[in-house]
Amino acid sequence: MKRERVEQKSFVDPVCGMQVSYKTAAAESDYHGKHYYFCATACREQFDADPARYVRTHRQHGSRRG
């Protein structure tokens, strides 16, 4: 069985801003094809309720993607 390769050793919890290791993350979630790691299940629950609130919007030619 293939394992997903994670090159980055730590990530920022998008809800609270805490540094989280993918190995010790309490929870994980996917949004628009990107994987997010969380320090606690409560942070993941907040994220899952309104992910757009925690994900940066990108500007291209003056328009916002959301």
Protein backbone atom coordinates (compact mmCIF):
# COMPACT_ATOMS: atom_id res chain seq x y z
CA MET A 1 0.00 0.00 0.00
CA LYS A 2 1.33 3.42 -0.94
CA ARG A 3 1.68 6.07 1.75
CA GLU A 4 1.02 9.71 1.03
CA ARG A 5 4.33 11.55 1.06
CA VAL A 6 4.38 14.65 3.22
CA GLU A 7 7.50 16.73 2.70
CA GLN A 8 6.68 19.53 5.10
CA LYS A 9 7.32 18.61 8.74
CA SER A 10 4.97 21.10 10.37
CA PHE A 11 1.92 23.06 9.37
CA VAL A 12 -0.03 25.98 10.78
CA ASP A 13 -3.46 25.18 12.19
CA PRO A 14 -5.63 27.57 10.11
CA VAL A 15 -8.01 28.21 13.02
CA CYS A 16 -5.70 29.00 15.96
CA GLY A 17 -2.34 29.51 14.23
CA MET A 18 -0.52 26.84 16.24
CA GLN A 19 2.34 24.87 14.62
CA VAL A 20 1.21 21.27 14.11
CA SER A 21 3.22 18.23 13.02
CA TYR A 22 1.43 15.98 10.55
CA LYS A 23 2.55 13.05 12.69
CA THR A 24 0.94 14.29 15.89
CA ALA A 25 -2.02 16.29 14.55
CA ALA A 26 -5.22 15.66 16.48
CA ALA A 27 -7.34 16.03 13.35
CA GLU A 28 -7.17 16.54 9.58
CA SER A 29 -9.46 17.90 6.89
CA ASP A 30 -9.47 18.47 3.13
CA TYR A 31 -10.80 21.59 1.44
CA HIS A 32 -10.56 22.35 -2.28
CA GLY A 33 -7.91 19.70 -2.76
CA LYS A 34 -5.64 20.90 0.05
CA HIS A 35 -5.00 18.99 3.26
CA TYR A 36 -5.13 20.84 6.60
CA TYR A 37 -3.88 19.68 10.00
CA PHE A 38 -5.28 20.75 13.38
CA CYS A 39 -4.04 20.83 16.97
CA ALA A 40 -7.45 19.74 18.30
CA THR A 41 -10.72 18.36 17.03
CA ALA A 42 -12.44 21.58 18.13
CA CYS A 43 -10.31 23.55 15.64
CA ARG A 44 -11.21 21.10 12.87
CA GLU A 45 -14.91 21.39 13.72
CA GLN A 46 -14.72 25.20 13.48
CA PHE A 47 -12.87 24.92 10.16
CA ASP A 48 -15.33 22.39 8.71
CA ALA A 49 -18.29 24.61 9.67
CA ASP A 50 -16.93 27.54 7.59
CA PRO A 51 -13.65 26.74 5.77
CA ALA A 52 -13.75 29.88 3.61
CA ARG A 53 -13.36 31.95 6.78
CA TYR A 54 -9.97 30.36 7.50
CA VAL A 55 -8.54 29.96 4.00
CA ARG A 56 -6.88 32.89 2.28
CA THR A 57 -8.64 34.25 -0.77
CA HIS A 58 -6.52 34.82 -3.85
CA ARG A 59 -6.74 37.95 -5.92
CA GLN A 60 -6.30 37.77 -9.66
CA HIS A 61 -6.89 40.77 -11.87
CA GLY A 62 -8.77 42.56 -9.12
CA SER A 63 -11.34 39.84 -8.47
CA ARG A 64 -11.66 37.65 -5.38
CA ARG A 65 -11.94 33.90 -5.50
CA GLY A 66 -13.74 32.36 -2.63
